[in-house]
Protein backbone atom coordinates (compact mmCIF):
# COMPACT_ATOMS: atom_id res chain seq x y z
CA MET A 1 54.11 -55.75 37.97
CA SER A 2 56.75 -54.75 35.46
CA GLU A 3 57.85 -51.21 34.99
CA ASN A 4 56.44 -51.26 31.44
CA VAL A 5 52.97 -52.37 32.58
CA LYS A 6 52.94 -49.73 35.31
CA ARG A 7 53.81 -47.08 32.76
CA GLN A 8 50.98 -48.18 30.41
CA THR A 9 48.47 -48.28 33.26
CA THR A 10 49.43 -44.81 34.40
CA THR A 11 49.17 -43.44 30.86
CA ALA A 12 45.70 -44.96 30.34
CA ALA A 13 44.49 -43.50 33.62
CA LEU A 14 45.77 -40.07 32.68
CA VAL A 15 44.08 -40.25 29.25
CA LEU A 16 40.79 -41.39 30.75
CA GLY A 17 40.93 -38.63 33.35
CA ALA A 18 41.64 -36.04 30.67
CA VAL A 19 38.68 -37.24 28.57
CA ILE A 20 36.32 -37.10 31.54
CA PHE A 21 37.60 -33.64 32.49
CA GLY A 22 37.17 -32.42 28.90
CA ILE A 23 33.60 -33.65 28.68
CA VAL A 24 32.69 -31.99 31.96
CA LEU A 25 34.38 -28.73 30.91
CA ALA A 26 32.84 -28.71 27.45
CA GLY A 27 29.37 -29.45 28.80
CA GLY A 28 29.74 -26.56 31.24
CA LEU A 29 30.66 -24.26 28.34
CA ASP A 30 27.77 -25.56 26.17
CA LEU A 31 30.23 -26.69 23.51
CA THR A 32 28.59 -30.11 23.34
CA PRO A 33 24.90 -30.38 24.13
CA ALA A 34 23.90 -33.03 26.60
CA ALA A 35 22.19 -35.98 24.97
CA ARG A 36 18.47 -36.28 25.64
CA SER A 37 16.07 -39.06 24.84
CA GLU A 38 13.12 -38.37 22.51
CA ALA A 39 10.81 -38.57 25.50
CA ALA A 40 12.92 -36.03 27.34
CA ARG A 41 12.83 -33.65 24.38
CA GLU A 42 9.05 -33.97 24.14
CA SER A 43 8.76 -33.21 27.82
CA GLN A 44 10.47 -29.85 27.19
CA VAL A 45 7.77 -28.62 24.74
CA GLU A 46 5.88 -25.71 26.31
CA MET A 47 2.15 -26.31 26.24
CA PRO A 48 -0.30 -23.39 26.29
CA GLN A 49 -1.35 -22.51 29.78
CA ALA A 50 -5.02 -22.44 30.71
CA GLY A 51 -6.55 -19.16 29.60
CA ALA A 52 -3.67 -18.31 27.22
CA PRO A 53 -4.72 -16.83 23.82
CA VAL A 54 -4.86 -19.33 20.97
CA LEU A 55 -5.65 -18.96 17.26
CA PRO A 56 -9.44 -18.84 16.99
CA SER A 57 -11.63 -21.06 14.88
CA PHE A 58 -13.65 -18.98 12.44
CA ALA A 59 -16.21 -21.68 11.63
CA ASP A 60 -18.92 -20.52 14.04
CA LEU A 61 -18.44 -16.90 12.99
CA ALA A 62 -18.68 -17.78 9.30
CA GLU A 63 -21.83 -19.84 9.89
CA ARG A 64 -23.56 -17.04 11.80
CA ALA A 65 -22.61 -14.25 9.42
CA SER A 66 -23.10 -15.97 6.06
CA ILE A 67 -26.88 -16.19 6.43
CA ALA A 68 -27.08 -12.39 6.18
CA VAL A 69 -24.70 -12.05 3.19
CA VAL A 70 -26.32 -11.89 -0.26
CA SER A 71 -25.36 -12.34 -3.88
CA ILE A 72 -26.51 -9.67 -6.35
CA ASP A 73 -27.21 -10.13 -10.07
CA ALA A 74 -27.40 -6.90 -12.06
CA SER A 75 -28.58 -6.70 -15.69
CA SER A 76 -28.41 -3.70 -17.98
CA PHE A 77 -29.34 -3.23 -21.62
CA GLU A 78 -27.61 -0.97 -24.13
CA SER A 79 -27.38 -0.31 -27.83
CA ALA A 80 -24.36 -1.38 -29.86
CA GLU A 81 -23.01 2.18 -29.79
CA GLU A 82 -23.51 2.47 -26.02
CA HIS A 83 -21.85 -0.89 -25.57
CA ARG A 84 -18.76 0.27 -27.44
CA ARG A 85 -18.52 3.39 -25.30
CA SER A 86 -19.27 1.78 -21.95
CA GLN A 87 -16.56 1.83 -19.30
CA PRO A 88 -17.92 -0.16 -16.35
CA PHE A 89 -16.82 0.85 -12.87
CA ASP A 90 -16.10 -2.74 -11.89
CA PHE A 91 -13.22 -3.04 -9.44
CA PHE A 92 -14.12 -6.61 -8.65
CA MET A 93 -17.64 -7.11 -9.87
CA ARG A 94 -18.46 -10.44 -11.39
CA PRO A 95 -18.73 -9.81 -15.16
CA ARG A 96 -20.40 -12.45 -17.25
CA GLY A 97 -19.91 -11.08 -20.76
CA PRO A 98 -22.61 -9.61 -23.01
CA GLU A 99 -24.61 -11.67 -25.43
CA ARG A 100 -23.16 -10.65 -28.77
CA GLY A 101 -25.23 -10.39 -31.90
CA ASP A 102 -25.43 -8.12 -34.91
CA GLU A 103 -24.99 -4.36 -34.62
CA ASP A 104 -28.74 -3.64 -34.69
CA ARG A 105 -29.71 -5.57 -31.61
CA GLU A 106 -29.50 -4.60 -27.97
CA PHE A 107 -26.68 -5.83 -25.80
CA ARG A 108 -27.36 -7.22 -22.38
CA ARG A 109 -24.63 -6.94 -19.81
CA ASP A 110 -24.87 -9.15 -16.75
CA SER A 111 -22.65 -8.48 -13.77
CA GLY A 112 -22.78 -9.27 -10.13
CA GLY A 113 -21.50 -8.54 -6.70
CA SER A 114 -22.26 -9.03 -3.06
CA GLY A 115 -24.08 -7.28 -0.27
CA PHE A 116 -25.45 -7.81 3.21
CA LEU A 117 -28.70 -7.27 5.09
CA VAL A 118 -28.78 -4.46 7.66
CA SER A 119 -32.38 -4.87 8.84
CA ALA A 120 -34.97 -7.59 9.33
CA ASP A 121 -37.34 -5.88 6.87
CA GLY A 122 -35.02 -6.38 3.89
CA TYR A 123 -32.65 -3.44 3.49
CA VAL A 124 -29.42 -4.51 1.74
CA VAL A 125 -26.17 -2.55 1.56
CA THR A 126 -23.81 -2.92 -1.41
CA ASN A 127 -21.49 -0.82 -3.58
CA ASN A 128 -22.89 1.76 -5.95
CA HIS A 129 -20.72 0.42 -8.77
CA VAL A 130 -22.39 -3.01 -8.41
CA ILE A 131 -25.84 -1.65 -9.27
CA ARG A 132 -24.98 1.42 -11.36
CA GLY A 133 -27.01 1.49 -14.57
CA ALA A 134 -28.81 -1.78 -13.80
CA GLU A 135 -32.39 -2.14 -15.04
CA ARG A 136 -33.00 -5.41 -13.25
CA LEU A 137 -31.65 -6.51 -9.89
CA GLN A 138 -32.02 -9.86 -8.18
CA VAL A 139 -30.77 -10.70 -4.72
CA ARG A 140 -30.09 -14.26 -3.59
CA ILE A 141 -30.52 -14.86 0.13
CA GLY A 142 -29.77 -18.45 1.01
CA ASP A 143 -31.62 -20.59 -1.53
CA ARG A 144 -34.21 -17.94 -2.44
CA GLU A 145 -34.11 -15.14 -4.99
CA TYR A 146 -35.81 -11.77 -4.60
CA ASP A 147 -36.38 -8.87 -6.94
CA ALA A 148 -34.66 -5.82 -5.51
CA GLU A 149 -35.32 -2.08 -5.74
CA VAL A 150 -32.68 0.63 -5.44
CA ARG A 151 -33.69 2.87 -2.54
CA GLY A 152 -30.63 5.09 -2.54
CA ALA A 153 -27.17 5.53 -4.04
CA ASP A 154 -24.17 7.67 -3.20
CA PRO A 155 -21.40 7.71 -5.84
CA ALA A 156 -19.14 9.80 -3.59
CA THR A 157 -18.75 6.93 -1.12
CA ASP A 158 -19.58 4.16 -3.63
CA LEU A 159 -22.42 2.92 -1.43
CA ALA A 160 -25.98 1.91 -2.33
CA LEU A 161 -29.06 0.71 -0.46
CA LEU A 162 -31.44 -1.90 -1.89
CA LYS A 163 -34.79 -3.18 -0.61
CA VAL A 164 -36.27 -6.66 -0.95
CA GLU A 165 -39.75 -7.72 0.17
CA SER A 166 -40.06 -10.90 2.20
CA ASP A 167 -42.97 -12.59 4.00
CA HIS A 168 -40.84 -13.11 7.11
CA ASP A 169 -38.13 -11.35 9.07
CA LEU A 170 -34.64 -11.76 7.64
CA GLU A 171 -31.37 -12.28 9.45
CA TYR A 172 -29.11 -9.23 9.33
CA LEU A 173 -25.65 -8.08 10.42
CA GLU A 174 -24.95 -5.58 13.17
CA LEU A 175 -22.87 -2.53 12.27
CA GLY A 176 -19.71 -2.29 14.34
CA ASP A 177 -17.11 0.39 15.07
CA SER A 178 -14.50 0.91 12.36
CA GLU A 179 -12.81 3.73 14.29
CA SER A 180 -11.60 1.37 17.02
CA VAL A 181 -10.20 -1.19 14.56
CA ARG A 182 -6.40 -1.39 14.55
CA PRO A 183 -3.90 -2.78 12.03
CA GLY A 184 -3.31 -6.39 12.96
CA ASP A 185 -6.91 -7.10 14.04
CA TRP A 186 -8.49 -10.24 12.59
CA VAL A 187 -11.20 -9.70 9.96
CA MET A 188 -13.32 -11.92 7.72
CA ALA A 189 -14.57 -11.15 4.20
CA ILE A 190 -17.66 -12.93 2.88
CA GLY A 191 -19.04 -12.67 -0.64
CA SER A 192 -19.54 -14.31 -3.99
CA PRO A 193 -16.29 -14.08 -5.98
CA ALA A 194 -16.70 -15.56 -9.48
CA GLY A 195 -20.25 -16.51 -8.50
CA LEU A 196 -19.10 -18.82 -5.69
CA LEU A 197 -21.69 -18.09 -3.03
CA ASN A 198 -20.73 -17.52 0.60
CA THR A 199 -16.99 -17.66 0.06
CA VAL A 200 -15.19 -16.98 3.34
CA THR A 201 -11.66 -15.60 3.61
CA VAL A 202 -9.78 -14.43 6.66
CA GLY A 203 -6.94 -11.97 7.21
CA VAL A 204 -6.06 -8.91 9.21
CA VAL A 205 -6.48 -5.18 8.93
CA SER A 206 -3.33 -4.07 7.10
CA ALA A 207 -3.78 -0.30 7.40
CA LYS A 208 -6.38 2.45 7.74
CA GLN A 209 -7.20 5.79 6.11
CA ARG A 210 -5.95 4.76 2.69
CA ARG A 211 -6.55 7.08 -0.29
CA ILE A 212 -6.01 5.29 -3.60
CA GLY A 213 -7.59 7.56 -6.22
CA ILE A 214 -10.25 5.23 -7.58
CA SER A 215 -12.22 7.95 -9.37
CA SER A 216 -12.98 11.67 -9.36
CA GLU A 217 -16.31 10.89 -7.69
CA THR A 218 -14.79 9.22 -4.66
CA SER A 219 -11.54 11.19 -4.37
CA SER A 220 -12.74 13.59 -1.66
CA PHE A 221 -14.15 10.86 0.56
CA GLU A 222 -11.69 7.98 0.23
CA ASN A 223 -10.79 6.69 3.68
CA PHE A 224 -10.36 2.97 3.06
CA ILE A 225 -9.50 0.14 5.40
CA GLN A 226 -6.79 -2.00 3.80
CA THR A 227 -6.88 -5.74 4.40
CA ASP A 228 -5.06 -8.87 3.28
CA ALA A 229 -8.20 -11.03 3.54
CA ALA A 230 -8.51 -12.40 -0.01
CA ILE A 231 -11.17 -10.55 -2.01
CA ASN A 232 -11.78 -10.93 -5.73
CA PHE A 233 -14.21 -10.12 -8.54
CA GLY A 234 -17.68 -10.56 -7.10
CA ASN A 235 -16.78 -9.56 -3.54
CA SER A 236 -17.79 -5.93 -4.17
CA GLY A 237 -20.35 -4.81 -1.61
CA GLY A 238 -19.82 -7.72 0.74
CA PRO A 239 -19.06 -7.24 4.43
CA LEU A 240 -15.73 -7.13 6.19
CA ILE A 241 -16.51 -8.27 9.73
CA ASN A 242 -14.71 -8.47 13.06
CA LEU A 243 -14.53 -11.46 15.40
CA SER A 244 -17.79 -10.37 17.05
CA GLY A 245 -19.63 -10.73 13.75
CA GLN A 246 -20.08 -6.98 13.32
CA VAL A 247 -19.53 -5.21 10.01
CA ILE A 248 -16.54 -2.87 10.11
CA GLY A 249 -16.19 -2.32 6.34
CA ILE A 250 -17.75 -2.79 2.91
CA ASN A 251 -15.38 -4.50 0.46
CA THR A 252 -14.92 -2.18 -2.50
CA ALA A 253 -11.62 -2.37 -4.38
CA ILE A 254 -8.48 -4.40 -5.00
CA ASN A 255 -4.98 -3.68 -6.24
CA TYR A 256 -4.61 -5.48 -9.55
CA GLY A 257 -0.82 -5.51 -9.42
CA SER A 258 -0.50 -7.22 -6.05
CA GLU A 259 -1.93 -10.13 -4.11
CA ASN A 260 -4.00 -9.72 -0.96
CA ILE A 261 -4.23 -5.95 -1.06
CA GLY A 262 -7.90 -5.09 -0.77
CA PHE A 263 -9.82 -2.05 0.38
CA ALA A 264 -13.10 -1.57 2.23
CA VAL A 265 -15.22 1.51 2.93
CA PRO A 266 -15.25 1.91 6.74
CA VAL A 267 -18.63 1.29 8.35
CA SER A 268 -18.44 4.75 9.95
CA THR A 269 -18.96 6.15 6.45
CA LEU A 270 -21.98 3.90 5.94
CA LYS A 271 -23.49 4.99 9.25
CA ALA A 272 -23.17 8.64 8.22
CA VAL A 273 -25.03 8.24 4.91
CA LEU A 274 -27.45 5.39 5.64
CA PRO A 275 -30.29 7.53 7.09
CA GLN A 276 -30.31 9.81 4.03
CA LEU A 277 -30.12 6.89 1.61
CA ARG A 278 -33.09 5.27 3.31
CA ASP A 279 -35.20 8.42 3.71
CA SER A 280 -34.46 10.44 0.57
CA GLY A 281 -32.48 8.17 -1.77
CA ARG A 282 -29.46 10.45 -1.95
CA VAL A 283 -26.97 12.24 0.25
CA ARG A 284 -26.91 16.03 0.57
CA ARG A 285 -23.61 17.41 1.84
CA GLY A 286 -22.34 20.78 2.91
CA PHE A 287 -19.90 22.49 0.56
CA LEU A 288 -17.40 25.31 1.02
CA GLY A 289 -16.13 25.54 -2.55
CA MET A 290 -12.41 25.36 -2.00
CA GLN A 291 -9.59 22.91 -2.60
CA VAL A 292 -7.46 22.11 0.43
CA THR A 293 -4.38 20.03 1.12
CA ASP A 294 -2.59 18.70 4.18
CA LEU A 295 0.38 20.61 5.54
CA VAL A 296 3.79 19.00 5.13
CA PRO A 297 6.64 19.94 7.50
CA GLU A 298 8.17 22.27 4.91
CA ALA A 299 4.85 24.08 4.54
CA ALA A 300 4.43 24.41 8.30
CA GLU A 301 7.92 25.91 8.52
CA ALA A 302 7.19 28.32 5.69
CA PHE A 303 4.02 29.51 7.43
CA GLY A 304 5.76 29.76 10.79
CA LEU A 305 3.77 26.92 12.40
CA GLU A 306 5.07 24.50 15.01
CA SER A 307 2.95 21.58 13.77
CA THR A 308 1.36 20.33 10.55
CA ASP A 309 -2.18 20.61 11.94
CA GLY A 310 -4.58 22.44 9.64
CA ALA A 311 -5.74 22.48 6.03
CA LEU A 312 -4.08 24.72 3.46
CA VAL A 313 -6.42 26.47 1.01
CA MET A 314 -5.17 25.84 -2.53
CA SER A 315 -7.94 27.39 -4.64
CA LEU A 316 -11.43 28.85 -4.40
CA THR A 317 -14.48 28.28 -6.56
CA PRO A 318 -15.95 31.63 -7.68
CA ASP A 319 -19.22 32.66 -6.01
CA MET A 320 -19.10 29.75 -3.59
CA PRO A 321 -19.36 30.01 0.23
CA ALA A 322 -15.64 30.13 1.02
CA GLU A 323 -14.97 32.99 -1.39
CA LYS A 324 -18.12 34.83 -0.33
CA GLY A 325 -17.15 34.39 3.31
CA GLY A 326 -13.76 36.03 2.83
CA VAL A 327 -11.46 33.00 2.69
CA GLU A 328 -8.35 33.52 0.56
CA VAL A 329 -5.87 31.25 -1.18
CA GLY A 330 -2.99 30.52 1.18
CA ASP A 331 -5.16 30.64 4.31
CA ILE A 332 -4.80 27.75 6.73
CA VAL A 333 -8.00 26.48 8.34
CA LEU A 334 -7.20 25.72 11.99
CA GLU A 335 -10.68 25.28 13.49
CA MET A 336 -14.31 24.83 12.47
CA ASP A 337 -16.98 25.76 15.01
CA GLY A 338 -14.30 25.55 17.71
CA ARG A 339 -13.17 22.05 16.68
CA ALA A 340 -9.51 21.68 15.80
CA VAL A 341 -8.81 20.72 12.18
CA ARG A 342 -5.80 18.41 12.00
CA ASN A 343 -6.03 17.55 8.30
CA THR A 344 -8.17 17.84 5.19
CA ARG A 345 -10.01 14.60 6.00
CA GLU A 346 -11.42 16.10 9.19
CA LEU A 347 -12.38 19.35 7.43
CA ILE A 348 -14.20 17.61 4.56
CA ASP A 349 -16.00 15.19 6.86
CA TYR A 350 -17.17 17.95 9.19
CA VAL A 351 -18.39 20.27 6.43
CA SER A 352 -20.15 17.43 4.59
CA ALA A 353 -21.94 16.30 7.74
CA GLN A 354 -23.39 19.78 8.42
CA GLY A 355 -25.44 19.78 5.25
CA PRO A 356 -26.46 22.66 2.96
CA GLU A 357 -27.58 25.98 4.46
CA ALA A 358 -25.70 25.32 7.70
CA GLU A 359 -23.59 28.19 9.08
CA VAL A 360 -20.07 27.37 10.25
CA GLU A 361 -17.35 29.49 11.81
CA LEU A 362 -13.83 29.10 10.46
CA GLU A 363 -10.70 30.08 12.33
CA ILE A 364 -7.97 30.65 9.78
CA LEU A 365 -4.35 31.70 9.85
CA ARG A 366 -3.43 34.44 7.40
CA ASN A 367 0.00 36.06 7.31
CA GLY A 368 0.70 34.95 10.86
CA LYS A 369 -2.59 36.24 12.31
CA LYS A 370 -5.63 34.23 13.37
CA ILE A 371 -8.96 35.52 12.08
CA LYS A 372 -12.52 34.17 12.04
CA ARG A 373 -14.96 33.95 9.15
CA GLU A 374 -18.66 33.04 9.13
CA VAL A 375 -19.66 30.93 6.13
CA VAL A 376 -23.06 29.59 5.01
CA LEU A 377 -22.60 26.25 3.28
CA ALA A 378 -23.96 25.37 -0.13
CA GLU A 379 -24.85 21.88 -1.35
CA ARG A 380 -21.94 19.83 -2.63
CA PRO A 381 -22.37 19.28 -6.39
CA ALA A 382 -22.07 15.86 -7.99
CA GLU A 383 -18.66 15.10 -9.41
CA GLY A 384 -19.02 14.40 -12.56
CA VAL A 385 -1.62 19.66 -22.95
CA GLU A 386 0.01 20.99 -25.41
CA THR A 387 3.46 22.42 -24.64
CA ALA A 388 3.72 26.06 -25.60
CA PRO A 389 6.89 27.52 -27.09
CA ALA A 390 8.94 29.84 -24.94
CA ASP A 391 9.44 33.49 -25.76
CA GLU A 392 13.21 33.78 -25.74
CA GLU A 393 13.21 37.58 -25.65
CA THR A 394 11.57 37.76 -22.21
CA GLU A 395 12.57 34.43 -20.67
CA GLY A 396 14.46 34.48 -17.39
CA GLY A 397 15.63 31.97 -14.83
CA ILE A 398 16.77 31.42 -11.25
CA GLU A 399 19.41 28.72 -11.10
CA TRP A 400 18.91 27.55 -7.52
CA LEU A 401 15.14 27.26 -8.14
CA GLY A 402 15.78 25.21 -11.27
CA ILE A 403 13.18 26.97 -13.42
CA ARG A 404 12.88 29.16 -16.51
CA TYR A 405 9.98 31.59 -16.73
CA GLN A 406 8.56 34.54 -18.65
CA ASP A 407 5.82 37.15 -18.52
CA LEU A 408 2.32 36.03 -19.38
CA ALA A 409 2.02 38.07 -22.56
CA PRO A 410 -1.38 38.66 -24.25
CA GLY A 411 -0.53 36.32 -27.13
CA LEU A 412 0.38 33.47 -24.80
CA ARG A 413 -2.71 34.13 -22.70
CA ALA A 414 -4.95 33.87 -25.75
CA MET A 415 -3.13 30.78 -27.11
CA HIS A 416 -3.64 28.84 -23.90
CA ARG A 417 -7.03 30.36 -22.99
CA ILE A 418 -5.83 31.70 -19.65
CA PRO A 419 -8.55 33.85 -18.01
CA ASP A 420 -7.94 37.59 -17.93
CA ASP A 421 -8.05 37.72 -14.13
CA VAL A 422 -5.09 35.32 -13.81
CA ALA A 423 -1.75 37.10 -13.30
CA GLY A 424 1.75 35.82 -12.72
CA VAL A 425 4.81 34.43 -14.49
CA TRP A 426 4.63 31.41 -16.77
CA VAL A 427 7.06 28.59 -15.86
CA THR A 428 8.45 27.41 -19.20
CA ALA A 429 10.95 24.81 -17.96
CA VAL A 430 11.49 22.87 -14.73
CA SER A 431 14.71 21.02 -13.92
CA PRO A 432 14.38 17.55 -12.36
CA ARG A 433 16.52 18.97 -9.53
CA SER A 434 14.06 21.81 -8.89
CA PRO A 435 11.98 21.93 -5.68
CA LEU A 436 9.01 22.73 -7.93
CA TYR A 437 9.57 19.42 -9.70
CA ASP A 438 9.40 17.68 -6.32
CA ALA A 439 6.08 19.47 -5.69
CA GLY A 440 4.64 18.04 -8.93
CA VAL A 441 5.16 20.93 -11.37
CA ARG A 442 5.98 19.71 -14.89
CA ALA A 443 6.26 22.16 -17.77
CA GLN A 444 5.13 19.54 -20.30
CA ASP A 445 1.96 18.64 -18.38
CA ALA A 446 0.30 22.05 -18.07
CA VAL A 447 0.71 25.80 -18.28
CA ASN A 448 2.10 26.57 -14.81
CA ILE A 449 1.76 30.13 -13.56
CA ILE A 450 3.40 31.36 -10.34
CA SER A 451 0.83 33.87 -9.13
CA GLU A 452 1.99 34.48 -5.55
CA VAL A 453 5.18 34.40 -3.50
CA ASN A 454 4.84 34.55 0.29
CA GLY A 455 1.25 35.68 -0.12
CA ARG A 456 2.19 38.62 -2.36
CA PRO A 457 0.67 38.76 -5.86
CA VAL A 458 3.05 38.42 -8.79
CA THR A 459 2.28 40.30 -12.02
CA SER A 460 5.59 40.18 -13.89
CA SER A 461 8.99 38.50 -14.04
CA ALA A 462 10.61 41.60 -12.57
CA GLU A 463 8.22 41.60 -9.61
CA PHE A 464 8.79 37.85 -9.12
CA GLU A 465 12.57 38.31 -9.04
CA SER A 466 12.27 41.26 -6.68
CA ILE A 467 10.21 39.33 -4.11
CA ILE A 468 12.58 36.37 -4.31
CA GLY A 469 15.55 38.71 -3.87
CA GLU A 470 14.08 40.31 -0.75
CA ALA A 471 13.69 36.98 1.06
CA ARG A 472 16.39 36.28 3.60
CA SER A 473 18.83 33.45 3.09
CA GLY A 474 17.74 30.20 4.77
CA SER A 475 14.05 31.12 4.83
CA ARG A 476 11.35 29.05 3.19
CA LEU A 477 9.37 30.62 0.38
CA ARG A 478 5.72 29.99 -0.39
CA LEU A 479 5.22 29.74 -4.14
CA TYR A 480 1.62 29.38 -5.31
CA VAL A 481 1.37 27.79 -8.76
CA ARG A 482 -1.88 27.78 -10.75
CA ARG A 483 -2.08 25.11 -13.46
CA PHE A 484 -4.08 25.13 -16.71
CA VAL A 485 -4.66 22.35 -19.24
CA ASN A 486 -6.43 23.29 -22.48
CA GLY A 487 -7.95 26.32 -20.81
CA ALA A 488 -9.32 24.43 -17.81
CA GLU A 489 -7.81 25.09 -14.39
CA GLY A 490 -6.52 22.03 -12.58
CA GLN A 491 -5.28 21.31 -9.08
CA PRO A 492 -2.98 24.17 -7.97
CA VAL A 493 0.32 23.53 -6.23
CA PHE A 494 2.13 25.09 -3.29
CA ALA A 495 5.91 24.71 -3.30
CA PHE A 496 8.10 25.58 -0.31
CA PRO A 497 11.73 25.90 -1.44
CA ALA A 498 14.39 27.07 1.02
CA LYS A 499 16.42 30.01 -0.28
CA PRO A 500 20.17 29.24 -0.13
């Protein structure tokens, strides 16, 4: 073999060896994935193991539950003038437009919603806004229609109870436990959106204890379950059920500006009012006669508390149980009948559940001391700005607070119809940088009067400045602001600025 051939053979062997070495090295470093056949790749797919959780089929659940879900047709009649003034409370009712004629004839307004049976003898739960004002109600159960009678209604929770008469027992839904439901749990909504009977949608619980400010009637009792199960006009009053087929909510409202944001009254609320709706047609609740708010961390610090547990008293209704029992503005309710009060929701629910004439014991915190007060509850009643010029001669200001203020002179008091027993300094301007602005105080929205600082009454600008001046640097102040619009007192405000 020639020298040239030997050289070429040696070179080829070296190249081949280098290539083989490189492939082995690269494969070891995962720089080039090993080739696999299609069959090999398929063999690598992980199959669910026996007993492993899989996505459920909802078909059996829908079939079982739908037979107890009803469609409701509500008809009301009104004059032309009433029709022009009407403002229906129809979050997602199924409106079907009035029959229009001349101005002298009556208008008929047909609307609809959903509901569900809760007993074999024909009791149906729905929303109050579905049947409000209706003179004729018909309930469709399966392929049959029944005339329905309103047995009870509760605007505060937007719930109503109907009764239909049948010659046989009816299928009904079991009431579940809304307290144990968690965000992420599967739920199903069934109803008649746009008149489409037994429409089934599925989603999850998105959140709990939502307050969305639907109306003044419901504001004190809003405690909604939020869900992304699709609900639309006509779903009102229908059930929100869990995977066991139990009702955990009553579909009530939607967010118009977003998709798949719906709200349901928790079934715990229904359970609390259902006996009274069935037996007496209405719900009687205990009432203290005071406005309360949750404590924020700044408020807890200002009151010297280590936690935000409790309910802060913002205002008192004259001659109502709280005032008669010795409760004062600025008190913090810590316990009721020995039960800890963590927030306003717990306080309102407990007081409401006791009913009128019940006696409750309050433990309150006042100026750092715990005291007890005995209160006899009343019955909760049904629910049913001009910017004033500043007086430059007496106007003052505190720069770090970001406000201008002045004495509440007799002329200003008369102009804005401020009651004679209201004392304090009138806040005439609020900077957007002010801590009062962050608390919701706006000079253009109302006449805002600072009546207390750290629990001490304020009667003049000089007294206000003196109390502020005495506070130590770094401490949090408690400013109590009473608000008036056209002579009527609105929701007061507590602000907790830190003195620099």
